[in-house]
Amino acid sequence: MAGVTLDKVTKRYPGGVEAVKAIDLHIEDGEFVVLVGPSGCGKSTTLRMVAGLEEISEGVMRIGGRIVNDVAPRDRDIAMVFQSYALYPHMTVGENMAFGLRLRKMPKDEIAARVNAAAKMLGLDDLLHRKPKALSGGQRQRVAMGRAIVRQPSVFLFDEPLSN
């Protein structure tokens, strides 16, 4: 895991609309933090900036002490779980969880070990051969979390993963 620091991080859209205004936040390595606020206050935008999916207009962001303002999302070592879960309907639970590791060309035995460990942790070990349509909403949520867990990233981001 890695610490995350936002120093006066701002997100300004064309036309001057400020979605996030000069946020200062320091999250220690291993710390669990929840952003709470009304709809439209910038929680998701802040997470998307940390993930690199939104550009930072001003300020400095560090992950593990390294400035990441201009670092591509794939190079930030972050796993993000979205509200929609984003599961592939034609793949099994195991295939969904392994997908990102396969893209990274990880050895098959390592993929299997990580998927099995995450599935056991999340109570999905008996469901690895099912497809998402055969799962409950809670099981789908756990598959999405499992897909993040198997990556073993430095930072986990969850954008309303349990809201449904």
C-alpha atoms as a PDB file:
ATOM      1  CA  MET A   1       0.000   0.000   0.000  1.00  0.00           C
ATOM      2  CA  ALA A   2       1.030   3.616  -0.421  1.00  0.00           C
ATOM      3  CA  GLY A   3       0.127   6.945   1.093  1.00  0.00           C
ATOM      4  CA  VAL A   4      -1.793   9.495  -0.967  1.00  0.00           C
ATOM      5  CA  THR A   5      -1.376  13.264  -0.596  1.00  0.00           C
ATOM      6  CA  LEU A   6      -3.413  15.967  -2.307  1.00  0.00           C
ATOM      7  CA  ASP A   7      -1.986  19.469  -1.905  1.00  0.00           C
ATOM      8  CA  LYS A   8      -4.427  22.188  -3.010  1.00  0.00           C
ATOM      9  CA  VAL A   9      -5.717  19.903  -5.788  1.00  0.00           C
ATOM     10  CA  THR A  10      -8.344  21.605  -7.933  1.00  0.00           C
ATOM     11  CA  LYS A  11     -10.494  20.419 -10.824  1.00  0.00           C
ATOM     12  CA  ARG A  12     -11.797  23.180 -13.072  1.00  0.00           C
ATOM     13  CA  TYR A  13     -13.842  22.408 -16.168  1.00  0.00           C
ATOM     14  CA  PRO A  14     -14.031  24.582 -19.294  1.00  0.00           C
ATOM     15  CA  GLY A  15     -16.186  27.593 -18.549  1.00  0.00           C
ATOM     16  CA  GLY A  16     -14.653  27.990 -15.089  1.00  0.00           C
ATOM     17  CA  VAL A  17     -16.825  25.517 -13.146  1.00  0.00           C
ATOM     18  CA  GLU A  18     -14.829  24.248 -10.155  1.00  0.00           C
ATOM     19  CA  ALA A  19     -15.827  20.675  -9.335  1.00  0.00           C
ATOM     20  CA  VAL A  20     -13.127  20.350  -6.653  1.00  0.00           C
ATOM     21  CA  LYS A  21     -11.629  23.424  -5.019  1.00  0.00           C
ATOM     22  CA  ALA A  22      -8.135  23.279  -3.499  1.00  0.00           C
ATOM     23  CA  ILE A  23      -8.542  20.045  -1.536  1.00  0.00           C
ATOM     24  CA  ASP A  24      -5.809  19.198   0.967  1.00  0.00           C
ATOM     25  CA  LEU A  25      -5.793  15.573   2.070  1.00  0.00           C
ATOM     26  CA  HIS A  26      -3.162  13.216   3.442  1.00  0.00           C
ATOM     27  CA  ILE A  27      -3.903   9.499   3.669  1.00  0.00           C
ATOM     28  CA  GLU A  28      -1.277   7.355   5.370  1.00  0.00           C
ATOM     29  CA  ASP A  29      -0.087   4.040   3.973  1.00  0.00           C
ATOM     30  CA  GLY A  30      -2.659   1.405   5.004  1.00  0.00           C
ATOM     31  CA  GLU A  31      -5.220   3.960   6.194  1.00  0.00           C
ATOM     32  CA  PHE A  32      -8.916   3.604   5.270  1.00  0.00           C
ATOM     33  CA  VAL A  33     -10.660   6.888   4.421  1.00  0.00           C
ATOM     34  CA  VAL A  34     -14.243   7.572   3.349  1.00  0.00           C
ATOM     35  CA  LEU A  35     -15.250  10.736   1.483  1.00  0.00           C
ATOM     36  CA  VAL A  36     -18.776  11.741   2.492  1.00  0.00           C
ATOM     37  CA  GLY A  37     -20.847  14.583   1.088  1.00  0.00           C
ATOM     38  CA  PRO A  38     -23.914  15.483  -0.926  1.00  0.00           C
ATOM     39  CA  SER A  39     -24.364  14.548  -4.556  1.00  0.00           C
ATOM     40  CA  GLY A  40     -22.280  16.762  -6.823  1.00  0.00           C
ATOM     41  CA  CYS A  41     -19.762  17.880  -4.186  1.00  0.00           C
ATOM     42  CA  GLY A  42     -16.749  16.347  -5.973  1.00  0.00           C
ATOM     43  CA  LYS A  43     -16.220  12.983  -4.250  1.00  0.00           C
ATOM     44  CA  SER A  44     -16.143  10.930  -7.463  1.00  0.00           C
ATOM     45  CA  THR A  45     -14.180  13.627  -9.295  1.00  0.00           C
ATOM     46  CA  THR A  46     -11.557  13.532  -6.541  1.00  0.00           C
ATOM     47  CA  LEU A  47     -11.272   9.743  -6.812  1.00  0.00           C
ATOM     48  CA  ARG A  48     -11.058  10.001 -10.608  1.00  0.00           C
ATOM     49  CA  MET A  49      -8.202  12.535 -10.277  1.00  0.00           C
ATOM     50  CA  VAL A  50      -6.330  10.194  -7.920  1.00  0.00           C
ATOM     51  CA  ALA A  51      -6.820   7.365 -10.433  1.00  0.00           C
ATOM     52  CA  GLY A  52      -5.635   9.597 -13.281  1.00  0.00           C
ATOM     53  CA  LEU A  53      -8.963   9.449 -15.128  1.00  0.00           C
ATOM     54  CA  GLU A  54      -9.460  13.218 -14.706  1.00  0.00           C
ATOM     55  CA  GLU A  55      -6.743  15.813 -15.179  1.00  0.00           C
ATOM     56  CA  ILE A  56      -5.761  17.971 -12.234  1.00  0.00           C
ATOM     57  CA  SER A  57      -6.221  21.680 -12.990  1.00  0.00           C
ATOM     58  CA  GLU A  58      -4.037  22.911 -10.115  1.00  0.00           C
ATOM     59  CA  GLY A  59      -2.156  21.528  -7.145  1.00  0.00           C
ATOM     60  CA  VAL A  60       0.101  18.554  -6.537  1.00  0.00           C
ATOM     61  CA  MET A  61      -0.804  14.905  -6.020  1.00  0.00           C
ATOM     62  CA  ARG A  62       1.584  12.327  -4.600  1.00  0.00           C
ATOM     63  CA  ILE A  63       1.208   8.570  -4.352  1.00  0.00           C
ATOM     64  CA  GLY A  64       3.875   6.864  -2.292  1.00  0.00           C
ATOM     65  CA  GLY A  65       5.742  10.179  -2.147  1.00  0.00           C
ATOM     66  CA  ARG A  66       5.989  10.394  -5.956  1.00  0.00           C
ATOM     67  CA  ILE A  67       4.346  13.306  -7.811  1.00  0.00           C
ATOM     68  CA  VAL A  68       1.803  11.749 -10.188  1.00  0.00           C
ATOM     69  CA  ASN A  69       0.062  14.779 -11.734  1.00  0.00           C
ATOM     70  CA  ASP A  70       1.188  13.776 -15.221  1.00  0.00           C
ATOM     71  CA  VAL A  71       1.487  10.009 -14.716  1.00  0.00           C
ATOM     72  CA  ALA A  72      -0.811   7.853 -16.876  1.00  0.00           C
ATOM     73  CA  PRO A  73      -3.532   5.893 -15.027  1.00  0.00           C
ATOM     74  CA  ARG A  74      -1.962   2.525 -15.881  1.00  0.00           C
ATOM     75  CA  ASP A  75       1.329   3.645 -14.317  1.00  0.00           C
ATOM     76  CA  ARG A  76      -0.152   4.747 -10.955  1.00  0.00           C
ATOM     77  CA  ASP A  77      -0.588   1.221  -9.525  1.00  0.00           C
ATOM     78  CA  ILE A  78      -4.187   1.915  -8.480  1.00  0.00           C
ATOM     79  CA  ALA A  79      -7.230  -0.360  -8.594  1.00  0.00           C
ATOM     80  CA  MET A  80     -10.649   1.308  -8.735  1.00  0.00           C
ATOM     81  CA  VAL A  81     -14.051  -0.307  -8.203  1.00  0.00           C
ATOM     82  CA  PHE A  82     -16.990   1.583  -9.685  1.00  0.00           C
ATOM     83  CA  GLN A  83     -20.652   1.670  -8.670  1.00  0.00           C
ATOM     84  CA  SER A  84     -21.610  -0.191 -11.865  1.00  0.00           C
ATOM     85  CA  TYR A  85     -19.143  -3.058 -11.113  1.00  0.00           C
ATOM     86  CA  ALA A  86     -18.180  -3.186 -14.845  1.00  0.00           C
ATOM     87  CA  LEU A  87     -18.229  -6.988 -15.071  1.00  0.00           C
ATOM     88  CA  TYR A  88     -17.949  -8.738 -18.426  1.00  0.00           C
ATOM     89  CA  PRO A  89     -21.228 -10.680 -18.868  1.00  0.00           C
ATOM     90  CA  HIS A  90     -19.728 -13.317 -21.199  1.00  0.00           C
ATOM     91  CA  MET A  91     -16.951 -14.230 -18.726  1.00  0.00           C
ATOM     92  CA  THR A  92     -17.163 -16.355 -15.595  1.00  0.00           C
ATOM     93  CA  VAL A  93     -16.431 -14.981 -12.138  1.00  0.00           C
ATOM     94  CA  GLY A  94     -12.907 -16.412 -12.331  1.00  0.00           C
ATOM     95  CA  GLU A  95     -12.310 -14.986 -15.804  1.00  0.00           C
ATOM     96  CA  ASN A  96     -13.576 -11.561 -14.701  1.00  0.00           C
ATOM     97  CA  MET A  97     -11.239 -11.571 -11.717  1.00  0.00           C
ATOM     98  CA  ALA A  98      -8.279 -12.745 -13.823  1.00  0.00           C
ATOM     99  CA  PHE A  99      -8.854 -10.408 -16.771  1.00  0.00           C
ATOM    100  CA  GLY A 100      -6.501  -7.581 -15.750  1.00  0.00           C
ATOM    101  CA  LEU A 101      -3.758 -10.023 -14.807  1.00  0.00           C
ATOM    102  CA  ARG A 102      -4.010 -11.745 -18.186  1.00  0.00           C
ATOM    103  CA  LEU A 103      -3.672  -8.372 -19.920  1.00  0.00           C
ATOM    104  CA  ARG A 104      -0.447  -7.878 -17.959  1.00  0.00           C
ATOM    105  CA  LYS A 105       0.742 -11.279 -19.231  1.00  0.00           C
ATOM    106  CA  MET A 106       1.205 -12.651 -15.720  1.00  0.00           C
ATOM    107  CA  PRO A 107       2.053 -16.384 -15.508  1.00  0.00           C
ATOM    108  CA  LYS A 108      -1.054 -18.610 -15.418  1.00  0.00           C
ATOM    109  CA  ASP A 109      -0.127 -20.260 -12.116  1.00  0.00           C
ATOM    110  CA  GLU A 110       0.262 -16.858 -10.428  1.00  0.00           C
ATOM    111  CA  ILE A 111      -3.094 -15.714 -11.867  1.00  0.00           C
ATOM    112  CA  ALA A 112      -4.792 -18.860 -10.551  1.00  0.00           C
ATOM    113  CA  ALA A 113      -3.226 -18.445  -7.106  1.00  0.00           C
ATOM    114  CA  ARG A 114      -4.297 -14.804  -6.809  1.00  0.00           C
ATOM    115  CA  VAL A 115      -7.826 -15.455  -8.099  1.00  0.00           C
ATOM    116  CA  ASN A 116      -8.295 -18.418  -5.746  1.00  0.00           C
ATOM    117  CA  ALA A 117      -6.982 -16.469  -2.738  1.00  0.00           C
ATOM    118  CA  ALA A 118      -9.223 -13.457  -3.444  1.00  0.00           C
ATOM    119  CA  ALA A 119     -12.228 -15.696  -4.139  1.00  0.00           C
ATOM    120  CA  LYS A 120     -11.741 -17.471  -0.813  1.00  0.00           C
ATOM    121  CA  MET A 121     -11.359 -14.152   1.036  1.00  0.00           C
ATOM    122  CA  LEU A 122     -14.611 -12.863  -0.523  1.00  0.00           C
ATOM    123  CA  GLY A 123     -16.616 -16.076  -0.220  1.00  0.00           C
ATOM    124  CA  LEU A 124     -16.703 -16.598  -3.990  1.00  0.00           C
ATOM    125  CA  ASP A 125     -14.686 -19.813  -4.235  1.00  0.00           C
ATOM    126  CA  ASP A 126     -17.775 -21.914  -5.074  1.00  0.00           C
ATOM    127  CA  LEU A 127     -18.916 -19.401  -7.724  1.00  0.00           C
ATOM    128  CA  LEU A 128     -15.815 -19.119  -9.931  1.00  0.00           C
ATOM    129  CA  HIS A 129     -17.500 -20.904 -12.859  1.00  0.00           C
ATOM    130  CA  ARG A 130     -20.710 -18.856 -12.820  1.00  0.00           C
ATOM    131  CA  LYS A 131     -21.394 -15.897 -15.086  1.00  0.00           C
ATOM    132  CA  PRO A 132     -22.492 -12.529 -13.636  1.00  0.00           C
ATOM    133  CA  LYS A 133     -26.156 -13.014 -14.622  1.00  0.00           C
ATOM    134  CA  ALA A 134     -26.293 -16.019 -12.256  1.00  0.00           C
ATOM    135  CA  LEU A 135     -25.103 -13.952  -9.273  1.00  0.00           C
ATOM    136  CA  SER A 136     -26.901 -11.796  -6.737  1.00  0.00           C
ATOM    137  CA  GLY A 137     -26.119  -8.082  -6.528  1.00  0.00           C
ATOM    138  CA  GLY A 138     -23.928  -8.637  -3.488  1.00  0.00           C
ATOM    139  CA  GLN A 139     -22.002 -11.395  -5.228  1.00  0.00           C
ATOM    140  CA  ARG A 140     -21.419  -9.123  -8.240  1.00  0.00           C
ATOM    141  CA  GLN A 141     -20.079  -6.448  -5.900  1.00  0.00           C
ATOM    142  CA  ARG A 142     -17.639  -8.951  -4.436  1.00  0.00           C
ATOM    143  CA  VAL A 143     -16.472 -10.037  -7.911  1.00  0.00           C
ATOM    144  CA  ALA A 144     -15.699  -6.396  -8.761  1.00  0.00           C
ATOM    145  CA  MET A 145     -13.772  -6.066  -5.496  1.00  0.00           C
ATOM    146  CA  GLY A 146     -11.979  -9.334  -6.229  1.00  0.00           C
ATOM    147  CA  ARG A 147     -10.848  -8.013  -9.587  1.00  0.00           C
ATOM    148  CA  ALA A 148      -9.222  -5.106  -7.746  1.00  0.00           C
ATOM    149  CA  ILE A 149      -7.751  -7.270  -4.980  1.00  0.00           C
ATOM    150  CA  VAL A 150      -5.977  -9.708  -7.338  1.00  0.00           C
ATOM    151  CA  ARG A 151      -3.962  -6.837  -8.797  1.00  0.00           C
ATOM    152  CA  GLN A 152      -2.362  -6.162  -5.395  1.00  0.00           C
ATOM    153  CA  PRO A 153      -2.163  -2.422  -6.115  1.00  0.00           C
ATOM    154  CA  SER A 154      -0.571   0.288  -3.989  1.00  0.00           C
ATOM    155  CA  VAL A 155      -3.933   2.078  -3.641  1.00  0.00           C
ATOM    156  CA  PHE A 156      -7.546   0.881  -3.713  1.00  0.00           C
ATOM    157  CA  LEU A 157     -10.299   3.320  -4.693  1.00  0.00           C
ATOM    158  CA  PHE A 158     -13.968   2.434  -4.280  1.00  0.00           C
ATOM    159  CA  ASP A 159     -16.512   4.767  -5.889  1.00  0.00           C
ATOM    160  CA  GLU A 160     -19.842   3.758  -4.318  1.00  0.00           C
ATOM    161  CA  PRO A 161     -19.222   0.028  -4.830  1.00  0.00           C
ATOM    162  CA  LEU A 162     -21.877  -0.931  -2.300  1.00  0.00           C
ATOM    163  CA  SER A 163     -24.548   1.621  -3.242  1.00  0.00           C
ATOM    164  CA  ASN A 164     -26.752  -0.800  -5.177  1.00  0.00           C
END
